[in-house]
Protein backbone atom coordinates (compact mmCIF):
# COMPACT_ATOMS: atom_id res chain seq x y z
CA MET A 1 -71.25 1.31 21.10
CA LYS A 2 -71.27 4.29 18.84
CA ARG A 3 -72.93 4.13 15.43
CA GLU A 4 -69.67 4.70 13.50
CA GLU A 5 -67.94 1.85 15.33
CA LEU A 6 -70.82 -0.54 14.58
CA ILE A 7 -70.73 0.33 10.88
CA LYS A 8 -66.92 -0.10 10.78
CA LYS A 9 -67.08 -3.51 12.42
CA TRP A 10 -69.97 -4.46 10.11
CA LEU A 11 -67.89 -3.56 7.07
CA ASP A 12 -65.05 -5.68 8.50
CA HIS A 13 -67.49 -8.53 9.24
CA ASP A 14 -66.38 -8.39 12.88
CA LEU A 15 -69.75 -8.01 14.71
CA ASN A 16 -70.69 -10.42 17.49
CA ALA A 17 -74.30 -11.45 18.11
CA GLN A 18 -75.05 -8.64 20.58
CA GLU A 19 -73.41 -6.01 18.33
CA LEU A 20 -75.26 -7.37 15.28
CA GLU A 21 -78.57 -6.87 17.06
CA ALA A 22 -77.56 -3.32 17.91
CA PHE A 23 -76.56 -2.71 14.26
CA LYS A 24 -79.96 -3.89 13.05
CA GLN A 25 -81.58 -1.31 15.27
CA LEU A 26 -79.91 1.55 13.40
CA GLU A 27 -82.21 3.87 11.46
CA ASP A 28 -80.32 3.46 8.16
CA PHE A 29 -79.89 -0.32 8.46
CA ASP A 30 -81.95 -0.97 5.30
CA ALA A 31 -79.93 1.54 3.26
CA LEU A 32 -76.65 0.03 4.47
CA GLN A 33 -77.86 -3.42 3.50
CA LYS A 34 -78.70 -2.29 -0.04
CA LEU A 35 -75.27 -0.64 -0.34
CA ASP A 36 -73.62 -3.87 0.76
CA SER A 37 -75.52 -5.85 -1.88
CA SER A 38 -74.45 -3.40 -4.63
CA LEU A 39 -70.78 -3.53 -3.64
CA LYS A 40 -70.80 -7.33 -3.72
CA SER A 41 -71.95 -7.28 -7.38
CA PHE A 42 -69.09 -4.92 -8.37
CA LYS A 43 -65.71 -6.55 -9.16
CA ALA A 44 -62.57 -4.61 -10.11
CA PRO A 45 -60.37 -6.09 -12.86
CA GLU A 46 -57.51 -8.24 -11.69
CA PHE A 47 -54.19 -6.39 -11.63
CA ASN A 48 -50.90 -8.07 -10.88
CA THR A 49 -48.94 -5.21 -9.39
CA SER A 50 -45.65 -7.04 -9.22
CA GLU A 51 -45.80 -8.37 -12.77
CA ASN A 52 -46.71 -5.04 -14.33
CA LEU A 53 -44.10 -3.18 -12.31
CA ASN A 54 -41.41 -5.54 -13.57
CA ALA A 55 -42.53 -4.94 -17.20
CA VAL A 56 -42.34 -1.17 -16.80
CA MET A 57 -38.92 -1.33 -15.18
CA GLY A 58 -37.68 -3.62 -17.96
CA THR A 59 -38.73 -1.10 -20.60
CA ILE A 60 -36.98 1.73 -18.78
CA LYS A 61 -33.83 -0.35 -18.42
CA SER A 62 -33.85 -1.26 -22.12
CA SER A 63 -34.18 2.40 -23.10
CA THR A 64 -31.26 3.41 -20.96
CA GLN A 65 -29.10 0.57 -22.26
CA LYS A 66 -29.75 1.44 -25.95
CA PRO A 67 -29.54 5.20 -26.42
CA ILE A 68 -30.52 6.67 -29.80
CA ASN A 69 -27.56 6.92 -32.21
CA TRP A 70 -28.25 10.34 -33.69
CA TRP A 71 -25.16 10.24 -35.96
CA SER A 72 -26.27 6.96 -37.54
CA ALA A 73 -29.77 8.31 -38.04
CA ALA A 74 -28.41 11.48 -39.67
CA ILE A 75 -26.30 9.42 -42.09
CA LYS A 76 -29.34 7.35 -43.10
CA ILE A 77 -31.44 10.46 -43.69
CA ALA A 78 -28.64 12.03 -45.75
CA ALA A 79 -28.35 8.84 -47.79
CA VAL A 80 -32.06 8.99 -48.63
CA PHE A 81 -31.69 12.59 -49.82
CA VAL A 82 -28.66 11.71 -51.93
CA ILE A 83 -30.51 8.82 -53.59
CA CYS A 84 -33.56 10.98 -54.30
CA PHE A 85 -31.41 13.78 -55.74
CA GLY A 86 -29.47 11.27 -57.83
CA VAL A 87 -32.65 9.83 -59.32
CA TYR A 88 -33.96 13.33 -60.07
CA TYR A 89 -30.66 14.47 -61.61
CA TYR A 90 -30.35 11.29 -63.70
CA THR A 91 -33.88 11.50 -65.11
CA THR A 92 -33.71 15.23 -65.87
CA THR A 93 -30.26 15.20 -67.47
CA LEU A 94 -30.58 11.96 -69.38
CA ASP A 95 -30.02 12.56 -73.12
CA THR A 96 -31.93 10.98 -75.97
CA THR A 97 -29.59 9.39 -78.51
CA VAL A 98 -30.57 8.14 -81.96
CA ASN A 99 -28.13 6.06 -84.01
CA THR A 100 -28.45 4.81 -87.58
CA LEU A 101 -26.80 1.72 -88.98
CA ALA A 102 -25.02 1.40 -92.30
CA SER A 103 -27.46 1.57 -95.25
CA HIS A 104 -30.18 2.98 -92.96
CA LYS A 105 -31.72 6.44 -92.60
CA GLN A 106 -34.06 7.69 -89.90
CA THR A 107 -36.37 10.63 -89.25
CA VAL A 108 -36.16 12.14 -85.75
CA GLU A 109 -38.81 14.51 -84.39
CA LEU A 110 -37.34 16.91 -81.85
CA PRO A 111 -39.30 18.27 -78.83
CA ASP A 112 -40.38 21.48 -80.62
CA ALA A 113 -41.54 19.59 -83.74
CA SER A 114 -38.30 20.35 -85.59
CA ILE A 115 -37.22 17.47 -87.81
CA ALA A 116 -33.82 15.87 -88.24
CA GLU A 117 -33.24 13.38 -91.06
CA LEU A 118 -30.28 11.16 -90.17
CA ASN A 119 -28.12 9.67 -92.91
CA ALA A 120 -26.46 6.26 -92.60
CA LEU A 121 -24.00 5.64 -89.75
CA SER A 122 -24.89 8.84 -87.93
CA SER A 123 -25.71 9.77 -84.33
CA LEU A 124 -27.88 12.54 -82.90
CA ARG A 125 -28.12 13.42 -79.20
CA PHE A 126 -30.34 15.94 -77.37
CA ASN A 127 -31.95 16.57 -73.98
CA GLU A 128 -35.71 16.83 -73.97
CA ASN A 129 -35.98 18.18 -70.40
CA SER A 130 -33.79 21.23 -71.07
CA TRP A 131 -35.06 21.81 -74.61
CA ASN A 132 -37.22 24.85 -73.76
CA ASP A 133 -34.17 26.58 -72.30
CA LYS A 134 -31.63 25.45 -74.89
CA ARG A 135 -32.40 24.02 -78.32
CA GLU A 136 -29.24 22.06 -78.91
CA VAL A 137 -28.28 18.80 -80.62
CA ILE A 138 -24.97 16.99 -80.87
CA LEU A 139 -24.32 15.43 -84.27
CA ASP A 140 -21.83 12.83 -85.35
CA GLY A 141 -22.31 12.06 -89.03
CA GLU A 142 -24.77 13.70 -91.39
CA ALA A 143 -28.26 15.12 -90.93
CA PHE A 144 -30.70 17.42 -92.68
CA PHE A 145 -32.64 19.75 -90.37
CA LYS A 146 -36.00 21.46 -90.69
CA VAL A 147 -35.99 23.79 -87.69
CA ALA A 148 -39.21 25.20 -86.25
CA LYS A 149 -39.11 28.94 -85.67
CA GLY A 150 -38.22 29.97 -82.15
CA SER A 151 -35.14 30.57 -80.07
CA LYS A 152 -31.60 29.85 -81.22
CA PHE A 153 -30.98 26.32 -82.48
CA ASP A 154 -27.44 24.91 -82.24
CA VAL A 155 -25.88 21.88 -83.91
CA LEU A 156 -22.66 20.87 -82.18
CA THR A 157 -20.10 18.71 -83.96
CA THR A 158 -16.44 17.91 -83.32
CA LYS A 159 -15.56 20.02 -86.40
CA GLY A 160 -17.64 23.12 -85.79
CA LEU A 161 -20.80 24.83 -84.57
CA VAL A 162 -23.91 25.61 -86.63
CA THR A 163 -26.44 28.16 -85.32
CA VAL A 164 -29.83 29.04 -86.78
CA LEU A 165 -33.21 30.46 -85.76
CA GLY A 166 -35.63 28.74 -88.12
CA THR A 167 -34.45 27.25 -91.39
CA GLN A 168 -33.52 24.15 -93.40
CA PHE A 169 -29.92 23.07 -93.68
CA ASN A 170 -27.66 20.02 -93.95
CA VAL A 171 -24.64 19.24 -91.78
CA LYS A 172 -22.11 16.56 -92.67
CA GLN A 173 -19.29 15.87 -90.23
CA ARG A 174 -16.98 12.93 -90.84
CA GLU A 175 -13.31 12.29 -89.99
CA ASP A 176 -11.56 15.09 -91.93
CA PHE A 177 -14.69 16.43 -93.57
CA PHE A 178 -17.08 19.19 -92.46
CA GLU A 179 -19.78 20.63 -94.70
CA VAL A 180 -22.80 22.81 -93.99
CA SER A 181 -25.33 23.64 -96.73
CA CYS A 182 -28.19 26.12 -96.36
CA TYR A 183 -31.48 25.45 -98.15
CA GLU A 184 -33.73 28.01 -96.46
CA GLY A 185 -33.29 30.95 -94.08
CA LYS A 186 -29.89 31.89 -92.70
CA VAL A 187 -27.19 29.73 -91.09
CA ALA A 188 -24.19 30.83 -89.01
CA VAL A 189 -21.19 28.48 -89.09
CA SER A 190 -17.98 28.54 -87.08
CA HIS A 191 -14.99 26.26 -87.47
CA GLY A 192 -11.96 27.29 -85.45
CA THR A 193 -11.19 30.81 -86.61
CA GLU A 194 -13.30 30.43 -89.75
CA LYS A 195 -16.81 31.93 -89.59
CA ALA A 196 -19.47 32.37 -92.22
CA THR A 197 -23.13 33.25 -92.65
CA LEU A 198 -24.88 31.11 -95.26
CA LEU A 199 -27.90 32.01 -97.34
CA PRO A 200 -29.97 29.56 -99.43
CA GLY A 201 -27.68 27.79 -101.91
CA ASP A 202 -24.49 28.55 -99.95
CA SER A 203 -22.18 25.89 -98.55
CA PHE A 204 -19.31 25.90 -96.08
CA LEU A 205 -16.78 23.12 -96.74
CA ILE A 206 -13.65 22.08 -94.86
CA ILE A 207 -11.56 19.10 -96.06
CA ASP A 208 -8.38 18.08 -94.26
CA GLY A 209 -8.49 21.35 -92.33
CA LYS A 210 -8.63 23.48 -95.50
CA PHE A 211 -11.48 25.75 -96.51
CA ILE A 212 -12.86 24.82 -99.95
CA VAL A 213 -14.76 27.29 -102.11
CA THR A 214 -17.94 25.72 -103.50
CA GLU A 215 -20.43 26.62 -106.18
CA LYS A 216 -23.93 27.77 -105.31
CA GLU A 217 -26.47 24.96 -105.03
CA ASN A 218 -29.92 25.11 -106.61
CA GLN A 219 -31.45 22.02 -104.99
CA SER A 220 -34.29 22.28 -102.46
CA VAL A 221 -33.03 19.34 -100.34
CA PRO A 222 -29.78 17.34 -100.17
CA SER A 223 -29.58 14.53 -102.73
CA TRP A 224 -29.11 11.78 -100.13
CA LEU A 225 -32.72 12.28 -99.01
CA GLN A 226 -33.63 11.10 -102.51
CA ASN A 227 -31.35 8.05 -102.13
CA LEU A 228 -28.63 9.55 -104.30
CA SER A 229 -25.13 10.66 -103.34
CA ARG A 230 -23.75 13.47 -105.52
CA PHE A 231 -20.17 14.76 -105.63
CA LYS A 232 -18.48 17.75 -107.24
CA SER A 233 -14.68 17.66 -107.41
CA MET A 234 -14.57 15.56 -104.25
CA PRO A 235 -11.62 13.37 -103.16
CA TYR A 236 -12.29 9.80 -104.21
CA ARG A 237 -11.86 8.54 -100.63
CA GLU A 238 -14.99 10.51 -99.63
CA VAL A 239 -16.93 8.82 -102.43
CA ILE A 240 -15.77 5.37 -101.30
CA ALA A 241 -16.50 6.14 -97.62
CA GLU A 242 -20.06 7.19 -98.48
CA PHE A 243 -20.55 4.09 -100.62
CA GLU A 244 -19.46 1.90 -97.70
CA ARG A 245 -21.93 3.62 -95.38
CA GLN A 246 -24.85 3.31 -97.79
CA TYR A 247 -24.28 -0.34 -98.68
CA ASN A 248 -22.60 -1.66 -95.52
CA MET A 249 -19.68 -2.93 -97.56
CA SER A 250 -15.90 -2.72 -97.21
CA VAL A 251 -13.96 -1.45 -100.25
CA ASN A 252 -10.31 -2.24 -100.92
CA LEU A 253 -8.37 0.09 -103.19
CA ASN A 254 -5.54 -1.67 -105.06
CA ASN A 255 -2.89 1.01 -105.59
CA ILE A 256 -5.57 3.54 -106.49
CA ASP A 257 -5.01 7.19 -105.60
CA ASP A 258 -7.85 8.04 -103.23
CA SER A 259 -7.04 11.78 -103.34
CA GLN A 260 -7.99 12.15 -107.02
CA LEU A 261 -11.09 14.27 -107.54
CA PHE A 262 -14.38 12.72 -108.54
CA THR A 263 -17.51 14.33 -110.00
CA GLY A 264 -20.59 12.18 -110.31
CA SER A 265 -23.18 10.30 -108.26
CA PHE A 266 -24.38 6.86 -107.23
CA THR A 267 -27.77 5.47 -106.25
CA HIS A 268 -28.53 3.92 -102.84
CA ASN A 269 -31.02 1.43 -104.28
CA ASP A 270 -28.94 -0.76 -106.59
CA ILE A 271 -25.40 -1.79 -105.70
CA GLU A 272 -24.44 -2.94 -109.20
CA ILE A 273 -25.49 0.37 -110.77
CA ALA A 274 -23.79 2.23 -107.93
CA LEU A 275 -20.51 0.34 -108.46
CA LYS A 276 -20.52 1.10 -112.16
CA SER A 277 -21.20 4.77 -111.40
CA ILE A 278 -18.13 5.14 -109.21
CA THR A 279 -15.71 2.94 -111.20
CA LEU A 280 -16.34 3.51 -114.92
CA PRO A 281 -15.53 7.27 -114.90
CA LEU A 282 -12.09 6.42 -113.47
CA HIS A 283 -11.59 3.35 -115.66
CA LEU A 284 -11.67 0.96 -112.71
CA THR A 285 -12.93 -2.60 -112.40
CA TYR A 286 -14.32 -4.32 -109.32
CA SER A 287 -14.86 -7.76 -107.83
CA LYS A 288 -17.02 -8.83 -104.88
CA THR A 289 -16.39 -11.46 -102.21
CA ASP A 290 -19.02 -11.57 -99.46
CA ASN A 291 -19.07 -8.01 -98.02
CA ILE A 292 -15.75 -6.99 -99.51
CA ILE A 293 -15.35 -5.15 -102.82
CA THR A 294 -11.96 -4.81 -104.47
CA LEU A 295 -11.26 -2.05 -106.97
CA LYS A 296 -8.38 -2.07 -109.44
CA ARG A 297 -7.23 -0.44 -112.62
CA GLU A 298 -8.39 -1.95 -115.93
């Protein structure tokens, strides 16, 4: 029997006694024996062909049954972008608003270190994120401004626009009342078709839609910053309205002409003294019940 046949039958464990003796006579018998011993110590990992094939086929089947919905995925991605943009837009356009209550005043420091002093029952709104591009505030009520030098500074009100570069001025905007007073620098004011440039001591006054000529002021700051309200030939209703704001009171006028002109002042620190200041010059008396004050003729 040929050598190759003996080795094949040996590997298949199919040698008879005579063939085994012939195999042992081969020159490389010892080497073949050592190889056989080494192969017996080597064991391949178990692999269940059928089970693993079924798992692979199941995965392929699942993928074909559930194709990717690209339209749904695109909508979800777009939604994420919209949310992110919305958050960014909201945080960068959000305004800062400061409100004062009746009988309260507040100092507001603006992003460029400009200062706004808010009088009672007033509101100031501005956007800090866009401040470097546009110095602009929206005022409802009364405020005194100390503007840091720089680009144009605008005060927007429902009655008119005030524009400055760096100065000190006061703006009062109430229902039918609009007044701008310059204390330092130069102030440009526009109200409808009316326009004016104010220098220190100048005022621009509109009452009931009419332009009122005023005298030159010689004060360095508005009187309300010193807790005093001053009036020169002012309709009495404006005096009463300011009193109500400073003391958080409601005033009833009993058949009293609120268009009559009043010149005088009242303090913000003592209600009794203030009441005497606004009633005695007009020969009025007053009575108080809770937060209501009633004025009448003597």
